[in-house]
N, C-alpha and C. Protein backbone atom coordinates (compact mmCIF):
# COMPACT_ATOMS: atom_id res chain seq x y z
N LEU A 1 57.47 70.03 -114.93
CA LEU A 1 56.64 70.79 -115.58
C LEU A 1 57.48 71.36 -116.50
N TYR A 2 59.54 70.85 -116.33
CA TYR A 2 59.71 71.59 -117.17
C TYR A 2 59.91 70.40 -119.06
N ALA A 3 60.03 69.31 -118.17
CA ALA A 3 59.65 68.51 -119.05
C ALA A 3 58.57 68.30 -120.13
N ALA A 4 57.44 68.77 -119.55
CA ALA A 4 56.08 69.06 -120.49
C ALA A 4 55.46 70.02 -121.60
N LEU A 5 56.62 71.44 -120.12
CA LEU A 5 56.59 73.02 -121.21
C LEU A 5 57.12 72.70 -122.83
N ALA A 6 59.04 72.27 -122.40
CA ALA A 6 59.53 71.98 -124.01
C ALA A 6 59.12 70.57 -124.65
N VAL A 7 58.80 69.95 -123.75
CA VAL A 7 57.54 68.97 -125.58
C VAL A 7 56.31 70.26 -125.70
N GLY A 8 56.14 71.02 -125.27
CA GLY A 8 54.74 71.50 -125.30
C GLY A 8 55.37 72.94 -126.50
N SER A 9 56.52 73.36 -125.96
CA SER A 9 57.16 74.22 -127.42
C SER A 9 57.66 74.08 -128.15
N LEU A 10 58.18 72.06 -128.13
CA LEU A 10 58.43 71.38 -129.13
C LEU A 10 57.34 71.54 -130.26
N SER A 11 56.34 71.35 -129.74
CA SER A 11 55.80 70.23 -130.75
C SER A 11 55.54 71.96 -131.38
N ILE A 12 54.52 73.19 -131.06
CA ILE A 12 54.30 74.37 -131.40
C ILE A 12 55.52 74.67 -131.89
N LEU A 13 57.08 74.63 -132.00
CA LEU A 13 57.48 75.29 -132.48
C LEU A 13 57.56 74.86 -134.20
N LEU A 14 57.20 73.61 -133.87
CA LEU A 14 57.40 71.86 -134.69
C LEU A 14 56.15 72.21 -136.06
N LEU A 15 54.88 72.81 -135.42
CA LEU A 15 53.49 72.96 -135.24
C LEU A 15 53.81 74.42 -136.54
N LEU A 16 54.54 75.07 -136.20
CA LEU A 16 54.45 76.52 -136.87
C LEU A 16 55.56 76.78 -138.11
N PHE A 17 56.48 75.88 -138.11
CA PHE A 17 57.72 75.51 -138.23
C PHE A 17 58.06 74.08 -138.87
N PRO A 18 56.86 73.52 -139.87
CA PRO A 18 57.65 71.93 -140.17
C PRO A 18 58.47 71.99 -141.08
N ASN A 19 58.41 72.63 -141.86
CA ASN A 19 60.01 72.43 -142.79
C ASN A 19 61.42 72.54 -141.43
N ILE A 20 61.69 72.78 -140.39
CA ILE A 20 62.55 72.51 -139.52
C ILE A 20 63.45 71.16 -139.46
N ILE A 21 62.25 70.26 -139.77
CA ILE A 21 62.99 68.91 -139.34
C ILE A 21 63.37 68.73 -140.97
N HIS A 22 61.92 69.06 -141.80
CA HIS A 22 61.05 67.95 -142.69
C HIS A 22 61.34 68.81 -144.01
N LYS A 23 62.63 68.54 -145.50
CA LYS A 23 62.38 69.95 -146.48
C LYS A 23 61.17 69.99 -147.12
N ARG A 24 61.17 70.70 -147.60
CA ARG A 24 59.54 71.53 -148.46
C ARG A 24 60.54 70.65 -149.67
N ARG A 25 59.44 70.38 -150.24
CA ARG A 25 59.21 69.49 -151.65
C ARG A 25 58.00 69.90 -152.51
N SER A 26 58.24 70.17 -153.96
CA SER A 26 57.78 70.44 -154.74
C SER A 26 57.41 69.15 -155.72
N LEU A 27 55.51 69.00 -155.45
CA LEU A 27 55.22 67.25 -156.70
C LEU A 27 54.33 67.91 -157.43
N PRO A 28 54.55 67.30 -158.22
CA PRO A 28 54.19 67.61 -159.40
C PRO A 28 52.78 67.18 -159.34
N PHE A 29 51.90 68.60 -160.24
CA PHE A 29 50.57 68.06 -159.49
C PHE A 29 49.84 67.30 -161.06
N ARG A 30 49.24 65.97 -160.99
CA ARG A 30 48.49 65.68 -162.00
C ARG A 30 47.40 65.53 -161.16
N HIS A 31 46.29 65.99 -162.32
CA HIS A 31 44.34 65.60 -162.13
C HIS A 31 44.07 64.90 -163.36
N LEU A 32 42.85 64.23 -163.43
CA LEU A 32 42.11 64.01 -164.06
C LEU A 32 41.09 64.10 -164.56
N VAL A 33 40.79 64.54 -165.19
CA VAL A 33 39.08 65.69 -165.63
C VAL A 33 37.95 63.59 -166.38
N ILE A 34 37.24 63.02 -165.06
CA ILE A 34 36.01 62.28 -165.46
C ILE A 34 35.38 62.47 -165.53
N SER A 35 34.52 61.63 -166.91
CA SER A 35 32.54 62.09 -167.83
C SER A 35 32.43 60.29 -167.02
N HIS A 36 31.95 61.50 -166.05
CA HIS A 36 30.62 60.29 -164.92
C HIS A 36 29.42 59.96 -165.19
N ARG A 37 29.52 58.69 -165.84
CA ARG A 37 28.77 57.74 -166.29
C ARG A 37 28.42 57.99 -167.89
N GLY A 38 29.65 58.23 -168.41
CA GLY A 38 29.50 58.58 -170.00
C GLY A 38 29.77 60.22 -170.03
N GLY A 39 29.46 61.20 -169.52
CA GLY A 39 28.76 62.02 -169.75
C GLY A 39 27.32 62.57 -169.42
N GLY A 40 26.87 61.54 -168.59
CA GLY A 40 25.54 61.40 -169.07
C GLY A 40 24.39 62.21 -168.28
N GLY A 41 24.77 63.80 -168.03
CA GLY A 41 24.37 65.03 -167.29
C GLY A 41 24.26 65.56 -169.33
N GLU A 42 24.54 65.86 -170.64
CA GLU A 42 24.84 65.85 -171.53
C GLU A 42 23.60 65.39 -172.97
N HIS A 43 24.57 63.90 -172.41
CA HIS A 43 23.42 62.62 -173.13
C HIS A 43 22.88 61.17 -172.68
N VAL A 44 21.81 60.91 -173.14
CA VAL A 44 21.65 59.67 -172.46
C VAL A 44 23.20 58.33 -172.21
N GLU A 45 22.45 58.59 -170.25
CA GLU A 45 24.14 58.42 -169.49
C GLU A 45 24.34 56.80 -169.57
N ASN A 46 25.24 56.95 -170.21
CA ASN A 46 25.93 55.27 -170.45
C ASN A 46 25.69 54.63 -171.61
N SER A 47 25.45 55.75 -172.63
CA SER A 47 24.94 55.17 -174.13
C SER A 47 26.51 55.86 -175.49
N LEU A 48 26.64 55.49 -175.60
CA LEU A 48 27.86 55.79 -176.94
C LEU A 48 27.92 57.19 -177.72
N ARG A 49 26.99 58.14 -177.52
CA ARG A 49 26.50 59.09 -178.08
C ARG A 49 27.45 60.40 -176.68
N ALA A 50 27.43 59.62 -175.84
CA ALA A 50 28.23 60.15 -174.50
C ALA A 50 29.05 59.43 -174.41
N PHE A 51 29.73 58.22 -174.66
CA PHE A 51 31.04 58.32 -174.48
C PHE A 51 31.38 58.29 -175.67
N ARG A 52 31.11 59.36 -176.48
CA ARG A 52 31.84 59.17 -177.63
C ARG A 52 31.96 61.19 -177.81
N ALA A 53 31.11 61.42 -176.86
CA ALA A 53 30.69 63.32 -177.24
C ALA A 53 31.81 62.96 -175.85
N SER A 54 32.32 62.71 -174.83
CA SER A 54 33.71 63.13 -173.41
C SER A 54 34.35 62.25 -174.03
N GLU A 55 34.93 61.57 -175.60
CA GLU A 55 35.66 61.77 -175.41
C GLU A 55 36.45 63.13 -176.57
N ALA A 56 35.68 63.39 -177.21
CA ALA A 56 35.27 64.31 -178.35
C ALA A 56 35.87 65.67 -177.30
N SER A 57 35.05 66.06 -176.02
CA SER A 57 35.58 66.89 -175.15
C SER A 57 36.80 66.46 -174.29
N GLY A 58 38.09 65.61 -175.09
CA GLY A 58 38.89 65.67 -174.65
C GLY A 58 39.27 65.20 -172.69
N PHE A 59 37.69 64.59 -172.04
CA PHE A 59 38.17 63.99 -170.78
C PHE A 59 38.73 62.95 -170.13
N ASP A 60 39.63 63.31 -169.19
CA ASP A 60 40.47 61.63 -169.34
C ASP A 60 40.74 60.07 -169.78
N MET A 61 39.18 60.71 -168.54
CA MET A 61 38.33 59.15 -168.17
C MET A 61 36.76 58.84 -168.42
N VAL A 62 36.77 57.62 -168.44
CA VAL A 62 34.81 57.60 -168.69
C VAL A 62 35.10 56.37 -167.39
N GLU A 63 33.16 57.16 -166.48
CA GLU A 63 33.35 56.20 -165.65
C GLU A 63 32.31 56.22 -166.53
N MET A 64 31.52 54.40 -166.07
CA MET A 64 30.35 53.45 -166.73
C MET A 64 29.92 52.30 -166.00
N ASP A 65 29.38 52.01 -165.75
CA ASP A 65 28.78 50.66 -164.73
C ASP A 65 28.37 49.58 -165.66
N VAL A 66 28.29 48.59 -164.95
CA VAL A 66 28.40 47.41 -166.08
C VAL A 66 27.85 46.45 -165.23
N MET A 67 26.77 45.58 -165.65
CA MET A 67 26.12 44.45 -165.55
C MET A 67 26.28 43.29 -165.87
N LEU A 68 25.65 42.51 -165.43
CA LEU A 68 25.54 41.42 -166.01
C LEU A 68 24.07 40.38 -166.32
N THR A 69 24.05 40.29 -167.93
CA THR A 69 21.38 39.99 -167.87
C THR A 69 22.18 38.00 -167.38
N ARG A 70 20.55 37.21 -167.82
CA ARG A 70 20.34 36.50 -167.06
C ARG A 70 20.94 35.61 -167.86
N ASP A 71 21.54 35.74 -168.60
CA ASP A 71 22.34 34.65 -170.47
C ASP A 71 23.78 35.54 -169.99
N ASP A 72 23.98 36.11 -168.62
CA ASP A 72 25.32 36.33 -168.50
C ASP A 72 26.34 36.84 -170.35
N GLN A 73 25.32 37.87 -170.30
CA GLN A 73 25.82 39.18 -171.45
C GLN A 73 26.81 40.53 -170.72
N VAL A 74 27.89 40.87 -171.11
CA VAL A 74 27.71 42.42 -170.05
C VAL A 74 27.30 43.41 -171.23
N VAL A 75 26.38 44.33 -170.39
CA VAL A 75 25.79 45.26 -170.29
C VAL A 75 26.17 46.75 -169.46
N VAL A 76 26.28 48.01 -170.23
CA VAL A 76 26.75 49.05 -169.42
C VAL A 76 25.38 49.85 -169.53
N PHE A 77 24.96 50.05 -167.27
CA PHE A 77 23.74 50.49 -167.28
C PHE A 77 24.05 50.67 -165.93
N HIS A 78 22.98 51.23 -165.02
CA HIS A 78 24.23 52.16 -163.35
C HIS A 78 23.30 52.02 -163.21
N ASP A 79 21.61 51.95 -163.15
CA ASP A 79 20.88 51.00 -161.74
C ASP A 79 20.54 49.95 -161.26
N ASP A 80 19.99 50.18 -160.25
CA ASP A 80 19.98 48.21 -159.74
C ASP A 80 18.86 47.23 -160.91
N ASP A 81 17.54 48.73 -160.61
CA ASP A 81 15.92 48.71 -161.67
C ASP A 81 16.21 49.78 -162.45
N MET A 82 15.89 49.52 -163.91
CA MET A 82 15.79 49.71 -164.94
C MET A 82 14.31 50.57 -164.78
N GLU A 83 13.97 50.57 -163.56
CA GLU A 83 12.87 51.83 -163.81
C GLU A 83 12.86 53.32 -164.35
N ARG A 84 14.35 53.63 -163.63
CA ARG A 84 13.91 54.93 -163.78
C ARG A 84 13.94 56.02 -165.65
N MET A 85 15.15 54.55 -165.86
CA MET A 85 14.97 54.80 -167.17
C MET A 85 14.68 54.34 -168.10
N THR A 86 14.04 53.99 -168.51
CA THR A 86 13.13 52.40 -169.19
C THR A 86 11.07 52.26 -168.38
N GLY A 87 11.79 52.99 -167.32
CA GLY A 87 9.47 53.06 -167.64
C GLY A 87 9.26 51.45 -166.36
N VAL A 88 9.87 50.49 -166.67
CA VAL A 88 10.01 48.71 -166.80
C VAL A 88 10.11 48.77 -165.44
N SER A 89 9.97 48.49 -164.24
CA SER A 89 10.86 48.17 -163.25
C SER A 89 10.92 46.54 -163.48
N GLY A 90 12.37 46.15 -162.69
CA GLY A 90 12.79 44.91 -162.96
C GLY A 90 14.97 45.50 -162.96
N ALA A 91 15.26 43.97 -162.39
CA ALA A 91 16.90 44.23 -162.67
C ALA A 91 17.87 44.01 -163.99
N ILE A 92 18.08 44.41 -163.64
CA ILE A 92 19.20 44.04 -165.22
C ILE A 92 19.76 42.29 -165.32
N GLY A 93 19.82 41.77 -164.46
CA GLY A 93 20.11 40.16 -164.67
C GLY A 93 18.96 39.38 -164.23
N ASP A 94 17.84 39.97 -164.00
CA ASP A 94 16.57 39.33 -164.84
C ASP A 94 16.20 39.11 -165.98
N CYS A 95 16.94 40.01 -166.65
CA CYS A 95 15.96 39.38 -168.24
C CYS A 95 17.20 39.33 -169.09
N ALA A 96 16.82 38.88 -170.18
CA ALA A 96 17.62 37.79 -171.30
C ALA A 96 17.77 39.27 -172.05
N TYR A 97 19.29 39.16 -172.49
CA TYR A 97 20.09 40.34 -173.58
C TYR A 97 19.40 40.70 -174.65
N ALA A 98 18.86 40.06 -175.08
CA ALA A 98 17.96 39.92 -176.34
C ALA A 98 16.34 40.44 -176.33
N ASP A 99 16.17 40.44 -174.95
CA ASP A 99 15.69 42.09 -174.22
C ASP A 99 16.00 42.82 -174.12
N LEU A 100 16.18 43.83 -173.80
CA LEU A 100 17.00 44.57 -173.81
C LEU A 100 16.32 45.49 -174.90
N PRO A 101 16.20 45.37 -175.97
CA PRO A 101 16.72 46.39 -176.54
C PRO A 101 15.20 47.19 -177.01
N ALA A 102 13.87 46.14 -177.22
CA ALA A 102 13.08 46.48 -176.69
C ALA A 102 12.67 47.34 -175.02
N LEU A 103 12.77 47.10 -174.09
CA LEU A 103 12.83 48.30 -172.88
C LEU A 103 13.57 49.95 -173.04
N LEU A 104 14.69 49.42 -173.73
CA LEU A 104 15.52 50.61 -174.02
C LEU A 104 15.62 51.42 -175.46
N GLU A 105 13.81 51.61 -176.01
CA GLU A 105 13.29 52.15 -177.45
C GLU A 105 13.11 53.31 -176.58
N GLY A 106 12.55 53.51 -175.92
CA GLY A 106 11.91 55.24 -174.86
C GLY A 106 12.60 56.17 -174.01
N VAL A 107 14.05 55.17 -174.29
CA VAL A 107 15.08 55.82 -173.97
C VAL A 107 15.83 56.68 -174.72
N GLY A 108 15.45 58.20 -175.08
CA GLY A 108 16.17 58.65 -175.21
C GLY A 108 16.89 58.76 -176.98
N GLY A 109 16.47 57.48 -177.94
CA GLY A 109 17.16 57.82 -179.38
C GLY A 109 17.60 56.72 -179.27
N GLU A 110 18.95 57.21 -179.10
CA GLU A 110 19.99 56.48 -179.31
C GLU A 110 20.85 55.69 -178.01
N GLY A 111 19.71 55.38 -177.13
CA GLY A 111 20.43 55.17 -176.30
C GLY A 111 20.22 53.39 -176.72
N HIS A 112 19.58 52.73 -177.36
CA HIS A 112 19.48 51.74 -176.55
C HIS A 112 20.65 51.02 -177.94
N GLN A 113 21.43 52.01 -179.05
CA GLN A 113 22.53 51.69 -179.88
C GLN A 113 23.85 50.67 -178.32
N LEU A 114 23.98 51.16 -177.64
CA LEU A 114 25.18 51.04 -176.78
C LEU A 114 24.22 49.41 -176.32
N TRP A 115 22.98 48.59 -175.81
CA TRP A 115 23.37 47.28 -176.08
C TRP A 115 23.31 46.85 -176.83
N HIS A 116 23.64 46.90 -178.00
CA HIS A 116 24.32 46.42 -179.95
C HIS A 116 25.55 46.16 -179.43
N ALA A 117 26.54 46.62 -179.39
CA ALA A 117 27.88 47.32 -179.28
C ALA A 117 28.11 46.00 -178.81
N ARG A 118 29.80 45.73 -179.36
CA ARG A 118 29.91 44.27 -178.81
C ARG A 118 31.74 44.38 -179.39
């Protein structure tokens, strides 16, 4: 009984005063500001304009999604299906790279520029 009380008392003491055993350290805090989908809230997501605006705004990092086309070309696109952005259902991996600019013409003007960036 006394051992249980001693362990319980020690546990409560360490819970209330953890610095008894471990010295308090001041760790530097570092944070990064990340632009999701290249700043897709302000511009067409994953577009060159969005990436450039994120850089100009001082973001530390830009998050983007990359996929391969049927002919193994790397493109920047988020969704598994293109319908939300292009109105055409299908996967990027099922399309040839040459077919993508035509699908992206209706995606906010400059959106298709990204497909031509190499």
